[in-house]
Amino acid sequence: LIKLVCRILKKSMQRGNADVGVIQFLGSFVRITLYVLLVFFIAS
């Protein structure tokens, strides 16, 4: 699901003509944040 969300986010920013660096940076940030939340959810 995280990969799917990151893929959708990437395509949305590409359609919005966002800078490639912005796409890569936000993609990394969102992916790490979602993985942290997933680990907390599993730990609970």
All heavy atoms as atom14 arrays in JSON, in Angstrom:
{
  "sequence": "LIKLVCRILKKSMQRGNADVGVIQFLGSFVRITLYVLLVFFIAS",
  "atom14_mask": [
    [1, 1, 1, 1, 1, 1, 1, 1, 0, 0, 0, 0, 0, 0],
    [1, 1, 1, 1, 1, 1, 1, 1, 0, 0, 0, 0, 0, 0],
    [1, 1, 1, 1, 1, 1, 1, 1, 1, 0, 0, 0, 0, 0],
    [1, 1, 1, 1, 1, 1, 1, 1, 0, 0, 0, 0, 0, 0],
    [1, 1, 1, 1, 1, 1, 1, 0, 0, 0, 0, 0, 0, 0],
    [1, 1, 1, 1, 1, 1, 0, 0, 0, 0, 0, 0, 0, 0],
    [1, 1, 1, 1, 1, 1, 1, 1, 1, 1, 1, 0, 0, 0],
    [1, 1, 1, 1, 1, 1, 1, 1, 0, 0, 0, 0, 0, 0],
    [1, 1, 1, 1, 1, 1, 1, 1, 0, 0, 0, 0, 0, 0],
    [1, 1, 1, 1, 1, 1, 1, 1, 1, 0, 0, 0, 0, 0],
    [1, 1, 1, 1, 1, 1, 1, 1, 1, 0, 0, 0, 0, 0],
    [1, 1, 1, 1, 1, 1, 0, 0, 0, 0, 0, 0, 0, 0],
    [1, 1, 1, 1, 1, 1, 1, 1, 0, 0, 0, 0, 0, 0],
    [1, 1, 1, 1, 1, 1, 1, 1, 1, 0, 0, 0, 0, 0],
    [1, 1, 1, 1, 1, 1, 1, 1, 1, 1, 1, 0, 0, 0],
    [1, 1, 1, 1, 0, 0, 0, 0, 0, 0, 0, 0, 0, 0],
    [1, 1, 1, 1, 1, 1, 1, 1, 0, 0, 0, 0, 0, 0],
    [1, 1, 1, 1, 1, 0, 0, 0, 0, 0, 0, 0, 0, 0],
    [1, 1, 1, 1, 1, 1, 1, 1, 0, 0, 0, 0, 0, 0],
    [1, 1, 1, 1, 1, 1, 1, 0, 0, 0, 0, 0, 0, 0],
    [1, 1, 1, 1, 0, 0, 0, 0, 0, 0, 0, 0, 0, 0],
    [1, 1, 1, 1, 1, 1, 1, 0, 0, 0, 0, 0, 0, 0],
    [1, 1, 1, 1, 1, 1, 1, 1, 0, 0, 0, 0, 0, 0],
    [1, 1, 1, 1, 1, 1, 1, 1, 1, 0, 0, 0, 0, 0],
    [1, 1, 1, 1, 1, 1, 1, 1, 1, 1, 1, 0, 0, 0],
    [1, 1, 1, 1, 1, 1, 1, 1, 0, 0, 0, 0, 0, 0],
    [1, 1, 1, 1, 0, 0, 0, 0, 0, 0, 0, 0, 0, 0],
    [1, 1, 1, 1, 1, 1, 0, 0, 0, 0, 0, 0, 0, 0],
    [1, 1, 1, 1, 1, 1, 1, 1, 1, 1, 1, 0, 0, 0],
    [1, 1, 1, 1, 1, 1, 1, 0, 0, 0, 0, 0, 0, 0],
    [1, 1, 1, 1, 1, 1, 1, 1, 1, 1, 1, 0, 0, 0],
    [1, 1, 1, 1, 1, 1, 1, 1, 0, 0, 0, 0, 0, 0],
    [1, 1, 1, 1, 1, 1, 1, 0, 0, 0, 0, 0, 0, 0],
    [1, 1, 1, 1, 1, 1, 1, 1, 0, 0, 0, 0, 0, 0],
    [1, 1, 1, 1, 1, 1, 1, 1, 1, 1, 1, 1, 0, 0],
    [1, 1, 1, 1, 1, 1, 1, 0, 0, 0, 0, 0, 0, 0],
    [1, 1, 1, 1, 1, 1, 1, 1, 0, 0, 0, 0, 0, 0],
    [1, 1, 1, 1, 1, 1, 1, 1, 0, 0, 0, 0, 0, 0],
    [1, 1, 1, 1, 1, 1, 1, 0, 0, 0, 0, 0, 0, 0],
    [1, 1, 1, 1, 1, 1, 1, 1, 1, 1, 1, 0, 0, 0],
    [1, 1, 1, 1, 1, 1, 1, 1, 1, 1, 1, 0, 0, 0],
    [1, 1, 1, 1, 1, 1, 1, 1, 0, 0, 0, 0, 0, 0],
    [1, 1, 1, 1, 1, 0, 0, 0, 0, 0, 0, 0, 0, 0],
    [1, 1, 1, 1, 1, 1, 0, 0, 0, 0, 0, 0, 0, 0]
  ],
  "atom14_positions": [
    [[0.83, -1.21, 0.0], [0.0, 0.0, 0.0], [0.87, 1.26, 0.0], [0.54, 2.25, -0.66], [-0.92, -0.01, 1.23], [-2.05, -1.04, 1.22], [-2.81, -1.01, 2.54], [-2.99, -0.8, 0.04], [0.0, 0.0, 0.0], [0.0, 0.0, 0.0], [0.0, 0.0, 0.0], [0.0, 0.0, 0.0], [0.0, 0.0, 0.0], [0.0, 0.0, 0.0]],
    [[1.98, 1.22, 0.73], [2.9, 2.37, 0.74], [3.47, 2.61, -0.65], [3.56, 3.75, -1.12], [4.02, 2.13, 1.77], [3.47, 2.2, 3.19], [5.14, 3.17, 1.6], [4.46, 1.84, 4.27], [0.0, 0.0, 0.0], [0.0, 0.0, 0.0], [0.0, 0.0, 0.0], [0.0, 0.0, 0.0], [0.0, 0.0, 0.0], [0.0, 0.0, 0.0]],
    [[3.85, 1.52, -1.34], [4.36, 1.66, -2.71], [3.29, 2.26, -3.61], [3.59, 3.11, -4.47], [4.8, 0.3, -3.24], [6.06, -0.24, -2.6], [6.45, -1.58, -3.2], [7.71, -2.13, -2.55], [8.08, -3.46, -3.13], [0.0, 0.0, 0.0], [0.0, 0.0, 0.0], [0.0, 0.0, 0.0], [0.0, 0.0, 0.0], [0.0, 0.0, 0.0]],
    [[2.05, 1.82, -3.42], [0.95, 2.34, -4.24], [0.74, 3.83, -3.97], [0.57, 4.62, -4.92], [-0.34, 1.56, -3.93], [-1.6, 2.01, -4.68], [-1.4, 1.86, -6.18], [-2.8, 1.21, -4.22], [0.0, 0.0, 0.0], [0.0, 0.0, 0.0], [0.0, 0.0, 0.0], [0.0, 0.0, 0.0], [0.0, 0.0, 0.0], [0.0, 0.0, 0.0]],
    [[0.75, 4.22, -2.68], [0.57, 5.63, -2.34], [1.7, 6.47, -2.93], [1.46, 7.55, -3.5], [0.5, 5.8, -0.81], [0.56, 7.28, -0.43], [-0.77, 5.17, -0.26], [0.0, 0.0, 0.0], [0.0, 0.0, 0.0], [0.0, 0.0, 0.0], [0.0, 0.0, 0.0], [0.0, 0.0, 0.0], [0.0, 0.0, 0.0], [0.0, 0.0, 0.0]],
    [[2.94, 6.0, -2.81], [4.09, 6.74, -3.35], [4.0, 6.85, -4.86], [4.35, 7.88, -5.45], [5.39, 6.05, -2.94], [5.76, 6.16, -1.17], [0.0, 0.0, 0.0], [0.0, 0.0, 0.0], [0.0, 0.0, 0.0], [0.0, 0.0, 0.0], [0.0, 0.0, 0.0], [0.0, 0.0, 0.0], [0.0, 0.0, 0.0], [0.0, 0.0, 0.0]],
    [[3.52, 5.77, -5.52], [3.38, 5.8, -6.98], [2.31, 6.81, -7.41], [2.51, 7.57, -8.36], [3.03, 4.4, -7.48], [3.16, 4.24, -9.0], [2.86, 2.83, -9.44], [3.72, 1.87, -8.78], [3.3, 0.92, -7.97], [2.01, 0.8, -7.7], [4.16, 0.07, -7.42], [0.0, 0.0, 0.0], [0.0, 0.0, 0.0], [0.0, 0.0, 0.0]],
    [[1.19, 6.82, -6.68], [0.13, 7.77, -7.0], [0.61, 9.21, -6.77], [0.35, 10.11, -7.58], [-1.12, 7.47, -6.15], [-1.72, 6.12, -6.54], [-2.16, 8.59, -6.31], [-2.86, 5.68, -5.65], [0.0, 0.0, 0.0], [0.0, 0.0, 0.0], [0.0, 0.0, 0.0], [0.0, 0.0, 0.0], [0.0, 0.0, 0.0], [0.0, 0.0, 0.0]],
    [[1.33, 9.42, -5.66], [1.86, 10.76, -5.35], [2.84, 11.21, -6.44], [2.79, 12.36, -6.88], [2.55, 10.73, -3.99], [3.22, 12.03, -3.54], [2.17, 13.12, -3.37], [4.0, 11.81, -2.24], [0.0, 0.0, 0.0], [0.0, 0.0, 0.0], [0.0, 0.0, 0.0], [0.0, 0.0, 0.0], [0.0, 0.0, 0.0], [0.0, 0.0, 0.0]],
    [[3.7, 10.29, -6.88], [4.68, 10.63, -7.91], [3.99, 11.01, -9.22], [4.34, 12.02, -9.84], [5.62, 9.44, -8.13], [6.68, 9.68, -9.19], [7.59, 8.46, -9.34], [8.64, 8.7, -10.4], [9.53, 7.51, -10.56], [0.0, 0.0, 0.0], [0.0, 0.0, 0.0], [0.0, 0.0, 0.0], [0.0, 0.0, 0.0], [0.0, 0.0, 0.0]],
    [[3.0, 10.22, -9.63], [2.3, 10.52, -10.88], [1.52, 11.83, -10.78], [1.46, 12.6, -11.75], [1.35, 9.37, -11.23], [2.07, 8.09, -11.65], [1.09, 7.0, -12.05], [1.82, 5.75, -12.5], [0.88, 4.67, -12.88], [0.0, 0.0, 0.0], [0.0, 0.0, 0.0], [0.0, 0.0, 0.0], [0.0, 0.0, 0.0], [0.0, 0.0, 0.0]],
    [[0.95, 12.09, -9.6], [0.21, 13.35, -9.42], [1.13, 14.55, -9.55], [0.79, 15.55, -10.21], [-0.48, 13.36, -8.05], [-1.41, 12.3, -7.94], [0.0, 0.0, 0.0], [0.0, 0.0, 0.0], [0.0, 0.0, 0.0], [0.0, 0.0, 0.0], [0.0, 0.0, 0.0], [0.0, 0.0, 0.0], [0.0, 0.0, 0.0], [0.0, 0.0, 0.0]],
    [[2.31, 14.47, -8.93], [3.26, 15.58, -9.02], [3.84, 15.72, -10.42], [4.12, 16.83, -10.88], [4.38, 15.4, -7.99], [3.92, 15.6, -6.55], [5.27, 15.67, -5.36], [5.88, 13.99, -5.45], [0.0, 0.0, 0.0], [0.0, 0.0, 0.0], [0.0, 0.0, 0.0], [0.0, 0.0, 0.0], [0.0, 0.0, 0.0], [0.0, 0.0, 0.0]],
    [[4.0, 14.58, -11.12], [4.49, 14.65, -12.5], [3.46, 15.34, -13.4], [3.83, 16.12, -14.28], [4.8, 13.25, -13.01], [6.08, 12.66, -12.44], [6.3, 11.23, -12.89], [5.38, 10.54, -13.33], [7.54, 10.77, -12.79], [0.0, 0.0, 0.0], [0.0, 0.0, 0.0], [0.0, 0.0, 0.0], [0.0, 0.0, 0.0], [0.0, 0.0, 0.0]],
    [[2.18, 15.03, -13.17], [1.14, 15.71, -13.95], [1.09, 17.2, -13.62], [0.7, 18.0, -14.47], [-0.22, 15.06, -13.68], [-0.41, 13.71, -14.37], [-1.87, 13.32, -14.37], [-2.38, 13.12, -13.02], [-2.4, 11.94, -12.4], [-1.94, 10.86, -13.02], [-2.88, 11.84, -11.17], [0.0, 0.0, 0.0], [0.0, 0.0, 0.0], [0.0, 0.0, 0.0]],
    [[1.47, 17.55, -12.42], [1.51, 18.96, -12.03], [2.8, 19.64, -12.42], [3.05, 20.78, -12.0], [0.0, 0.0, 0.0], [0.0, 0.0, 0.0], [0.0, 0.0, 0.0], [0.0, 0.0, 0.0], [0.0, 0.0, 0.0], [0.0, 0.0, 0.0], [0.0, 0.0, 0.0], [0.0, 0.0, 0.0], [0.0, 0.0, 0.0], [0.0, 0.0, 0.0]],
    [[3.67, 18.95, -13.2], [4.95, 19.49, -13.67], [5.85, 19.92, -12.51], [6.56, 20.94, -12.59], [4.72, 20.69, -14.61], [4.02, 20.29, -15.89], [4.27, 19.2, -16.43], [3.13, 21.13, -16.39], [0.0, 0.0, 0.0], [0.0, 0.0, 0.0], [0.0, 0.0, 0.0], [0.0, 0.0, 0.0], [0.0, 0.0, 0.0], [0.0, 0.0, 0.0]],
    [[5.84, 19.16, -11.43], [6.73, 19.44, -10.31], [8.15, 19.1, -10.68], [8.41, 18.26, -11.54], [6.29, 18.65, -9.07], [0.0, 0.0, 0.0], [0.0, 0.0, 0.0], [0.0, 0.0, 0.0], [0.0, 0.0, 0.0], [0.0, 0.0, 0.0], [0.0, 0.0, 0.0], [0.0, 0.0, 0.0], [0.0, 0.0, 0.0], [0.0, 0.0, 0.0]],
    [[9.1, 19.78, -10.03], [10.51, 19.52, -10.28], [10.86, 18.09, -9.89], [10.33, 17.55, -8.91], [11.37, 20.52, -9.48], [12.84, 20.38, -9.82], [13.26, 20.89, -10.86], [13.57, 19.78, -9.01], [0.0, 0.0, 0.0], [0.0, 0.0, 0.0], [0.0, 0.0, 0.0], [0.0, 0.0, 0.0], [0.0, 0.0, 0.0], [0.0, 0.0, 0.0]],
    [[11.77, 17.47, -10.65], [12.15, 16.08, -10.37], [12.72, 15.94, -8.97], [12.45, 14.97, -8.26], [13.16, 15.59, -11.43], [13.59, 14.16, -11.12], [12.56, 15.66, -12.82], [0.0, 0.0, 0.0], [0.0, 0.0, 0.0], [0.0, 0.0, 0.0], [0.0, 0.0, 0.0], [0.0, 0.0, 0.0], [0.0, 0.0, 0.0], [0.0, 0.0, 0.0]],
    [[13.54, 16.91, -8.55], [14.11, 16.86, -7.21], [13.05, 16.9, -6.13], [13.14, 16.19, -5.11], [0.0, 0.0, 0.0], [0.0, 0.0, 0.0], [0.0, 0.0, 0.0], [0.0, 0.0, 0.0], [0.0, 0.0, 0.0], [0.0, 0.0, 0.0], [0.0, 0.0, 0.0], [0.0, 0.0, 0.0], [0.0, 0.0, 0.0], [0.0, 0.0, 0.0]],
    [[12.01, 17.71, -6.33], [10.9, 17.79, -5.36], [10.17, 16.45, -5.29], [9.82, 15.97, -4.21], [9.93, 18.92, -5.74], [8.72, 18.92, -4.82], [10.63, 20.27, -5.7], [0.0, 0.0, 0.0], [0.0, 0.0, 0.0], [0.0, 0.0, 0.0], [0.0, 0.0, 0.0], [0.0, 0.0, 0.0], [0.0, 0.0, 0.0], [0.0, 0.0, 0.0]],
    [[9.96, 15.84, -6.44], [9.27, 14.55, -6.49], [10.07, 13.49, -5.72], [9.52, 12.73, -4.92], [9.05, 14.11, -7.94], [8.1, 15.08, -8.66], [8.51, 12.68, -8.01], [7.92, 14.78, -10.13], [0.0, 0.0, 0.0], [0.0, 0.0, 0.0], [0.0, 0.0, 0.0], [0.0, 0.0, 0.0], [0.0, 0.0, 0.0], [0.0, 0.0, 0.0]],
    [[11.39, 13.46, -5.95], [12.22, 12.47, -5.27], [12.28, 12.71, -3.77], [12.18, 11.78, -2.97], [13.63, 12.5, -5.87], [13.7, 12.03, -7.31], [15.07, 12.2, -7.91], [15.92, 12.89, -7.35], [15.3, 11.6, -9.06], [0.0, 0.0, 0.0], [0.0, 0.0, 0.0], [0.0, 0.0, 0.0], [0.0, 0.0, 0.0], [0.0, 0.0, 0.0]],
    [[12.41, 13.99, -3.37], [12.52, 14.31, -1.95], [11.23, 13.97, -1.22], [11.25, 13.3, -0.18], [12.85, 15.79, -1.79], [13.06, 16.22, -0.36], [14.31, 16.11, 0.23], [12.01, 16.72, 0.4], [14.51, 16.49, 1.54], [12.2, 17.1, 1.71], [13.45, 16.99, 2.28], [0.0, 0.0, 0.0], [0.0, 0.0, 0.0], [0.0, 0.0, 0.0]],
    [[10.09, 14.44, -1.73], [8.82, 14.16, -1.08], [8.49, 12.67, -1.1], [7.91, 12.14, -0.14], [7.7, 14.95, -1.76], [7.72, 16.47, -1.54], [6.54, 17.12, -2.25], [7.68, 16.8, -0.05], [0.0, 0.0, 0.0], [0.0, 0.0, 0.0], [0.0, 0.0, 0.0], [0.0, 0.0, 0.0], [0.0, 0.0, 0.0], [0.0, 0.0, 0.0]],
    [[8.89, 11.99, -2.18], [8.67, 10.55, -2.24], [9.41, 9.83, -1.12], [8.86, 8.95, -0.46], [0.0, 0.0, 0.0], [0.0, 0.0, 0.0], [0.0, 0.0, 0.0], [0.0, 0.0, 0.0], [0.0, 0.0, 0.0], [0.0, 0.0, 0.0], [0.0, 0.0, 0.0], [0.0, 0.0, 0.0], [0.0, 0.0, 0.0], [0.0, 0.0, 0.0]],
    [[10.68, 10.22, -0.89], [11.46, 9.61, 0.19], [10.86, 9.93, 1.55], [10.75, 9.06, 2.43], [12.91, 10.11, 0.13], [13.52, 9.77, -1.09], [0.0, 0.0, 0.0], [0.0, 0.0, 0.0], [0.0, 0.0, 0.0], [0.0, 0.0, 0.0], [0.0, 0.0, 0.0], [0.0, 0.0, 0.0], [0.0, 0.0, 0.0], [0.0, 0.0, 0.0]],
    [[10.44, 11.18, 1.74], [9.88, 11.61, 3.03], [8.58, 10.87, 3.34], [8.39, 10.35, 4.44], [9.64, 13.11, 3.01], [9.04, 13.65, 4.29], [9.81, 13.79, 5.42], [7.69, 13.99, 4.34], [9.26, 14.27, 6.6], [7.13, 14.47, 5.5], [7.92, 14.61, 6.64], [0.0, 0.0, 0.0], [0.0, 0.0, 0.0], [0.0, 0.0, 0.0]],
    [[7.69, 10.8, 2.37], [6.4, 10.12, 2.57], [6.62, 8.63, 2.81], [5.97, 8.03, 3.69], [5.48, 10.36, 1.36], [4.24, 9.47, 1.44], [5.07, 11.82, 1.27], [0.0, 0.0, 0.0], [0.0, 0.0, 0.0], [0.0, 0.0, 0.0], [0.0, 0.0, 0.0], [0.0, 0.0, 0.0], [0.0, 0.0, 0.0], [0.0, 0.0, 0.0]],
    [[7.53, 8.01, 2.06], [7.77, 6.58, 2.22], [8.29, 6.26, 3.63], [7.8, 5.33, 4.29], [8.77, 6.1, 1.18], [9.02, 4.59, 1.22], [9.86, 4.12, 0.06], [11.17, 4.74, 0.06], [11.54, 5.69, -0.8], [10.69, 6.14, -1.71], [12.75, 6.2, -0.75], [0.0, 0.0, 0.0], [0.0, 0.0, 0.0], [0.0, 0.0, 0.0]],
    [[9.27, 7.04, 4.11], [9.82, 6.79, 5.45], [8.77, 7.02, 6.53], [8.64, 6.23, 7.47], [11.05, 7.69, 5.67], [12.2, 7.27, 4.75], [11.5, 7.64, 7.13], [13.4, 8.17, 4.81], [0.0, 0.0, 0.0], [0.0, 0.0, 0.0], [0.0, 0.0, 0.0], [0.0, 0.0, 0.0], [0.0, 0.0, 0.0], [0.0, 0.0, 0.0]],
    [[7.99, 8.09, 6.38], [6.95, 8.39, 7.37], [5.91, 7.27, 7.45], [5.51, 6.84, 8.54], [6.26, 9.72, 7.03], [7.23, 10.77, 6.99], [5.2, 10.07, 8.07], [0.0, 0.0, 0.0], [0.0, 0.0, 0.0], [0.0, 0.0, 0.0], [0.0, 0.0, 0.0], [0.0, 0.0, 0.0], [0.0, 0.0, 0.0], [0.0, 0.0, 0.0]],
    [[5.48, 6.79, 6.3], [4.47, 5.73, 6.28], [5.02, 4.42, 6.86], [4.28, 3.69, 7.54], [3.97, 5.51, 4.85], [3.13, 6.65, 4.25], [2.73, 6.32, 2.82], [1.88, 6.9, 5.1], [0.0, 0.0, 0.0], [0.0, 0.0, 0.0], [0.0, 0.0, 0.0], [0.0, 0.0, 0.0], [0.0, 0.0, 0.0], [0.0, 0.0, 0.0]],
    [[6.28, 4.12, 6.61], [6.87, 2.92, 7.18], [6.95, 3.01, 8.71], [6.75, 2.03, 9.42], [8.25, 2.65, 6.59], [8.22, 1.78, 5.36], [8.54, 2.28, 4.11], [7.88, 0.43, 5.45], [8.49, 1.49, 2.97], [7.84, -0.39, 4.32], [8.15, 0.15, 3.09], [8.11, -0.65, 1.97], [0.0, 0.0, 0.0], [0.0, 0.0, 0.0]],
    [[7.28, 4.21, 9.23], [7.33, 4.4, 10.68], [5.94, 4.18, 11.28], [5.78, 3.49, 12.3], [7.86, 5.8, 11.03], [7.69, 6.08, 12.52], [9.33, 5.92, 10.64], [0.0, 0.0, 0.0], [0.0, 0.0, 0.0], [0.0, 0.0, 0.0], [0.0, 0.0, 0.0], [0.0, 0.0, 0.0], [0.0, 0.0, 0.0], [0.0, 0.0, 0.0]],
    [[4.91, 4.74, 10.65], [3.54, 4.54, 11.13], [3.13, 3.07, 11.05], [2.43, 2.56, 11.95], [2.58, 5.41, 10.31], [2.73, 6.93, 10.47], [1.78, 7.65, 9.53], [2.48, 7.34, 11.91], [0.0, 0.0, 0.0], [0.0, 0.0, 0.0], [0.0, 0.0, 0.0], [0.0, 0.0, 0.0], [0.0, 0.0, 0.0], [0.0, 0.0, 0.0]],
    [[3.56, 2.39, 10.01], [3.23, 0.97, 9.87], [3.86, 0.15, 10.98], [3.21, -0.74, 11.56], [3.7, 0.47, 8.5], [3.52, -1.03, 8.21], [2.04, -1.4, 8.26], [4.13, -1.39, 6.86], [0.0, 0.0, 0.0], [0.0, 0.0, 0.0], [0.0, 0.0, 0.0], [0.0, 0.0, 0.0], [0.0, 0.0, 0.0], [0.0, 0.0, 0.0]],
    [[5.12, 0.46, 11.31], [5.81, -0.28, 12.39], [5.1, -0.03, 13.73], [4.92, -0.96, 14.53], [7.29, 0.14, 12.45], [7.95, -0.43, 13.7], [8.03, -0.35, 11.21], [0.0, 0.0, 0.0], [0.0, 0.0, 0.0], [0.0, 0.0, 0.0], [0.0, 0.0, 0.0], [0.0, 0.0, 0.0], [0.0, 0.0, 0.0], [0.0, 0.0, 0.0]],
    [[4.7, 1.22, 13.99], [3.98, 1.52, 15.23], [2.64, 0.76, 15.27], [2.23, 0.27, 16.33], [3.73, 3.02, 15.36], [4.82, 3.74, 16.08], [5.74, 4.5, 15.39], [4.94, 3.67, 17.46], [6.76, 5.16, 16.05], [5.94, 4.34, 18.13], [6.87, 5.09, 17.43], [0.0, 0.0, 0.0], [0.0, 0.0, 0.0], [0.0, 0.0, 0.0]],
    [[1.97, 0.68, 14.14], [0.69, -0.02, 14.09], [0.87, -1.51, 14.38], [0.09, -2.11, 15.14], [0.06, 0.17, 12.71], [-1.23, -0.59, 12.51], [-2.41, -0.13, 13.09], [-1.25, -1.75, 11.76], [-3.59, -0.84, 12.91], [-2.42, -2.45, 11.57], [-3.6, -2.0, 12.15], [0.0, 0.0, 0.0], [0.0, 0.0, 0.0], [0.0, 0.0, 0.0]],
    [[1.91, -2.11, 13.81], [2.17, -3.52, 14.05], [2.58, -3.75, 15.5], [2.16, -4.71, 16.16], [3.26, -4.04, 13.09], [2.75, -3.99, 11.65], [3.69, -5.44, 13.45], [3.78, -4.35, 10.61], [0.0, 0.0, 0.0], [0.0, 0.0, 0.0], [0.0, 0.0, 0.0], [0.0, 0.0, 0.0], [0.0, 0.0, 0.0], [0.0, 0.0, 0.0]],
    [[3.42, -2.82, 16.03], [3.87, -2.97, 17.41], [2.71, -2.9, 18.39], [2.71, -3.56, 19.44], [4.9, -1.89, 17.73], [0.0, 0.0, 0.0], [0.0, 0.0, 0.0], [0.0, 0.0, 0.0], [0.0, 0.0, 0.0], [0.0, 0.0, 0.0], [0.0, 0.0, 0.0], [0.0, 0.0, 0.0], [0.0, 0.0, 0.0], [0.0, 0.0, 0.0]],
    [[1.7, -2.09, 18.07], [0.54, -1.98, 18.95], [-0.21, -3.31, 19.06], [-0.87, -3.6, 20.05], [-0.41, -0.89, 18.46], [-0.95, -1.22, 17.18], [0.0, 0.0, 0.0], [0.0, 0.0, 0.0], [0.0, 0.0, 0.0], [0.0, 0.0, 0.0], [0.0, 0.0, 0.0], [0.0, 0.0, 0.0], [0.0, 0.0, 0.0], [0.0, 0.0, 0.0]]
  ]
}
